[in-house]
N, C-alpha and C. Protein backbone atom coordinates (compact mmCIF):
# COMPACT_ATOMS: atom_id res chain seq x y z
N MET A 1 -85.88 58.67 58.33
CA MET A 1 -86.98 58.71 57.18
C MET A 1 -87.81 59.83 57.50
N LYS A 2 -88.27 60.40 56.51
CA LYS A 2 -89.49 61.62 56.37
C LYS A 2 -90.56 60.88 56.04
N GLU A 3 -91.83 60.97 56.72
CA GLU A 3 -93.08 60.43 56.59
C GLU A 3 -93.45 61.35 55.22
N ILE A 4 -93.83 60.49 54.41
CA ILE A 4 -94.53 61.43 53.25
C ILE A 4 -96.01 61.25 53.25
N GLU A 5 -96.68 62.49 53.08
CA GLU A 5 -98.06 62.91 53.30
C GLU A 5 -98.91 62.43 51.94
N GLY A 6 -99.90 61.85 51.65
CA GLY A 6 -100.64 61.64 50.47
C GLY A 6 -100.23 60.95 49.26
N SER A 7 -99.17 60.20 49.57
CA SER A 7 -98.90 59.11 49.01
C SER A 7 -99.48 58.00 48.76
N SER A 8 -100.03 57.47 47.57
CA SER A 8 -100.58 56.24 47.78
C SER A 8 -99.55 54.82 47.70
N ASN A 9 -98.36 55.11 47.66
CA ASN A 9 -97.64 53.93 47.36
C ASN A 9 -96.18 53.95 48.26
N ILE A 10 -95.59 55.44 48.66
CA ILE A 10 -94.53 55.30 49.39
C ILE A 10 -94.96 55.93 50.75
N GLU A 11 -94.50 55.35 51.82
CA GLU A 11 -94.58 55.84 53.27
C GLU A 11 -93.45 56.84 53.50
N ALA A 12 -92.25 56.40 53.21
CA ALA A 12 -91.15 57.22 53.90
C ALA A 12 -90.01 57.16 52.98
N ILE A 13 -89.35 58.19 52.99
CA ILE A 13 -87.88 58.21 52.24
C ILE A 13 -87.00 58.52 53.31
N GLY A 14 -85.69 58.08 52.91
CA GLY A 14 -84.60 58.74 53.67
C GLY A 14 -83.24 58.43 53.05
N HIS A 15 -82.27 59.03 53.41
CA HIS A 15 -80.92 59.30 52.81
C HIS A 15 -79.76 59.56 53.77
N ASP A 16 -78.93 58.70 53.62
CA ASP A 16 -77.94 58.92 54.78
C ASP A 16 -76.54 59.08 53.99
N GLY A 17 -76.51 59.88 52.83
CA GLY A 17 -75.36 60.50 52.04
C GLY A 17 -75.01 59.60 50.83
N ASP A 18 -75.25 58.38 51.13
CA ASP A 18 -74.93 57.52 49.98
C ASP A 18 -76.13 56.29 49.80
N THR A 19 -76.89 56.08 50.90
CA THR A 19 -78.00 55.04 50.26
C THR A 19 -79.18 55.87 50.33
N LEU A 20 -80.07 55.36 49.45
CA LEU A 20 -81.44 55.90 49.56
C LEU A 20 -82.54 55.00 50.05
N SER A 21 -83.11 55.22 51.24
CA SER A 21 -84.14 54.00 51.71
C SER A 21 -85.68 54.41 51.40
N ILE A 22 -86.45 53.71 51.14
CA ILE A 22 -87.54 54.03 50.76
C ILE A 22 -88.70 52.76 51.39
N ARG A 23 -89.41 53.16 52.22
CA ARG A 23 -90.73 52.27 52.86
C ARG A 23 -91.91 52.41 52.33
N PHE A 24 -92.27 51.40 51.53
CA PHE A 24 -93.31 51.58 50.84
C PHE A 24 -94.58 51.18 51.79
N LYS A 25 -95.82 51.80 51.45
CA LYS A 25 -97.00 51.04 52.10
C LYS A 25 -97.11 49.85 52.24
N GLY A 26 -97.61 49.22 53.57
CA GLY A 26 -97.27 47.41 53.45
C GLY A 26 -95.87 47.33 54.29
N GLY A 27 -95.19 48.14 54.38
CA GLY A 27 -93.88 47.80 55.36
C GLY A 27 -92.61 47.60 54.47
N ALA A 28 -92.61 46.99 53.40
CA ALA A 28 -91.32 46.66 52.82
C ALA A 28 -90.25 48.23 52.49
N VAL A 29 -89.11 47.59 52.99
CA VAL A 29 -88.22 48.87 53.24
C VAL A 29 -87.02 48.42 51.75
N TYR A 30 -87.10 49.33 50.72
CA TYR A 30 -85.71 49.05 49.98
C TYR A 30 -84.62 50.10 49.99
N ASP A 31 -83.39 49.64 49.82
CA ASP A 31 -82.30 50.50 49.91
C ASP A 31 -81.64 50.44 48.38
N TYR A 32 -81.18 51.61 47.87
CA TYR A 32 -80.91 52.00 46.61
C TYR A 32 -79.04 52.53 47.00
N MET A 33 -78.41 51.91 46.65
CA MET A 33 -77.00 52.16 47.10
C MET A 33 -76.42 52.95 45.97
N ASN A 34 -75.43 54.09 46.58
CA ASN A 34 -74.56 54.70 45.70
C ASN A 34 -75.55 55.90 45.22
N PHE A 35 -76.66 56.40 45.75
CA PHE A 35 -77.84 57.24 45.48
C PHE A 35 -77.30 58.54 45.66
N PRO A 36 -77.19 59.73 44.94
CA PRO A 36 -76.33 60.91 45.18
C PRO A 36 -77.25 61.49 45.73
N ALA A 37 -76.64 62.30 46.61
CA ALA A 37 -77.61 63.63 47.69
C ALA A 37 -78.22 64.27 47.05
N ASP A 38 -77.83 64.93 45.79
CA ASP A 38 -78.42 66.28 45.13
C ASP A 38 -79.49 65.30 44.48
N MET A 39 -79.89 64.03 44.01
CA MET A 39 -81.02 63.58 43.79
C MET A 39 -82.09 63.54 44.68
N HIS A 40 -81.63 63.15 45.67
CA HIS A 40 -82.29 62.95 46.67
C HIS A 40 -83.10 64.54 47.25
N THR A 41 -82.37 65.40 47.27
CA THR A 41 -82.53 66.89 47.33
C THR A 41 -83.88 67.10 46.27
N LYS A 42 -83.33 66.75 45.23
CA LYS A 42 -84.01 67.18 44.01
C LYS A 42 -85.80 66.39 44.32
N TRP A 43 -85.69 65.37 44.91
CA TRP A 43 -87.05 64.18 45.21
C TRP A 43 -87.96 65.20 46.31
N MET A 44 -87.12 65.83 47.12
CA MET A 44 -87.61 66.02 48.42
C MET A 44 -88.43 67.22 47.95
N GLU A 45 -87.64 68.29 47.15
CA GLU A 45 -88.08 69.71 46.85
C GLU A 45 -89.32 69.44 45.97
N HIS A 46 -89.46 68.27 44.95
CA HIS A 46 -90.53 68.03 44.10
C HIS A 46 -91.80 67.90 44.99
N ILE A 47 -91.53 67.00 46.00
CA ILE A 47 -92.63 66.32 47.15
C ILE A 47 -93.18 67.44 47.68
N ASP A 48 -92.15 68.53 48.39
CA ASP A 48 -92.62 69.70 49.13
C ASP A 48 -93.62 70.85 48.10
N ALA A 49 -93.17 70.53 46.84
CA ALA A 49 -94.00 71.42 46.02
C ALA A 49 -95.23 70.80 45.70
N GLY A 50 -95.32 70.00 46.25
CA GLY A 50 -96.90 69.30 45.90
C GLY A 50 -96.78 68.18 44.70
N GLY A 51 -95.32 68.17 44.13
CA GLY A 51 -95.30 66.91 43.20
C GLY A 51 -95.69 65.23 43.73
N SER A 52 -95.94 64.56 42.95
CA SER A 52 -96.09 63.15 43.28
C SER A 52 -94.71 62.37 43.38
N ALA A 53 -94.82 61.75 44.66
CA ALA A 53 -93.61 61.12 45.29
C ALA A 53 -93.38 59.66 44.40
N GLY A 54 -94.51 59.37 43.96
CA GLY A 54 -94.42 58.17 43.44
C GLY A 54 -94.17 58.32 41.98
N GLY A 55 -94.78 59.15 41.17
CA GLY A 55 -94.42 59.67 40.19
C GLY A 55 -92.83 59.74 39.80
N TRP A 56 -92.53 60.54 40.69
CA TRP A 56 -90.80 60.83 40.58
C TRP A 56 -90.21 59.74 40.76
N PHE A 57 -90.31 58.68 41.74
CA PHE A 57 -89.76 57.70 41.98
C PHE A 57 -89.80 56.94 40.41
N HIS A 58 -91.08 56.48 39.87
CA HIS A 58 -91.03 55.78 38.84
C HIS A 58 -90.16 56.44 37.36
N LYS A 59 -90.16 57.32 37.43
CA LYS A 59 -89.29 58.28 36.36
C LYS A 59 -88.07 58.14 36.44
N HIS A 60 -87.47 58.51 37.76
CA HIS A 60 -85.93 58.64 38.07
C HIS A 60 -85.60 57.82 38.63
N ILE A 61 -85.96 56.58 39.15
CA ILE A 61 -85.27 55.31 40.13
C ILE A 61 -86.04 54.15 39.29
N LYS A 62 -87.29 54.12 39.19
CA LYS A 62 -87.43 52.56 38.58
C LYS A 62 -87.03 52.41 37.43
N LEU A 63 -87.17 53.36 36.52
CA LEU A 63 -86.76 53.50 35.26
C LEU A 63 -85.52 53.69 34.88
N SER A 64 -84.54 53.82 35.50
CA SER A 64 -83.00 54.20 35.74
C SER A 64 -82.33 52.80 36.01
N ASP A 65 -81.02 53.19 36.23
CA ASP A 65 -80.18 51.85 36.60
C ASP A 65 -80.22 51.79 38.15
N TYR A 66 -80.56 52.37 38.90
CA TYR A 66 -80.88 52.16 40.44
C TYR A 66 -81.56 50.80 40.69
N VAL A 67 -80.74 49.92 41.54
CA VAL A 67 -81.31 48.84 41.68
C VAL A 67 -81.42 48.61 43.16
N GLY A 68 -82.55 48.66 43.60
CA GLY A 68 -83.23 48.64 45.00
C GLY A 68 -82.83 47.08 45.46
N LYS A 69 -82.52 47.26 46.84
CA LYS A 69 -82.47 45.48 47.52
C LYS A 69 -83.42 45.78 48.97
N LYS A 70 -84.38 44.64 48.79
CA LYS A 70 -85.25 44.63 49.98
C LYS A 70 -84.63 44.38 51.34
N ARG A 71 -84.78 45.10 52.03
CA ARG A 71 -84.08 44.80 53.22
C ARG A 71 -84.92 43.49 53.94
N GLU A 72 -83.99 42.58 54.95
CA GLU A 72 -84.66 41.45 55.31
C GLU A 72 -85.64 42.05 56.54
N THR A 73 -86.58 41.34 56.86
CA THR A 73 -87.34 41.75 58.21
C THR A 73 -87.20 40.42 59.03
N LYS A 74 -87.55 40.90 60.41
CA LYS A 74 -87.11 39.87 61.37
C LYS A 74 -88.26 39.54 61.53
C-alpha cells in the first residue's frame, strides 16, 4: 500500500490488479472488489499532482456503485 501524505482521512491506498484497498485514519481498511487498474492509476496521478485524495475518493468511489467491505481485524 502507498502511504498518502497530507490527507486528513486516508492513510494508504493499494491495488492488486482487481481489488482496491484503502486504509483510513484510525486503522479501518476497506476493500473494493473489481476496481479497474486504470481508475487506480488516475487516482494516484491526481494525488501525485497535489490533488485531494479524499475529494477524489468521495467523487469517484463513494458516490459511485463501488461498495467497500471492511476487513475484519484480529
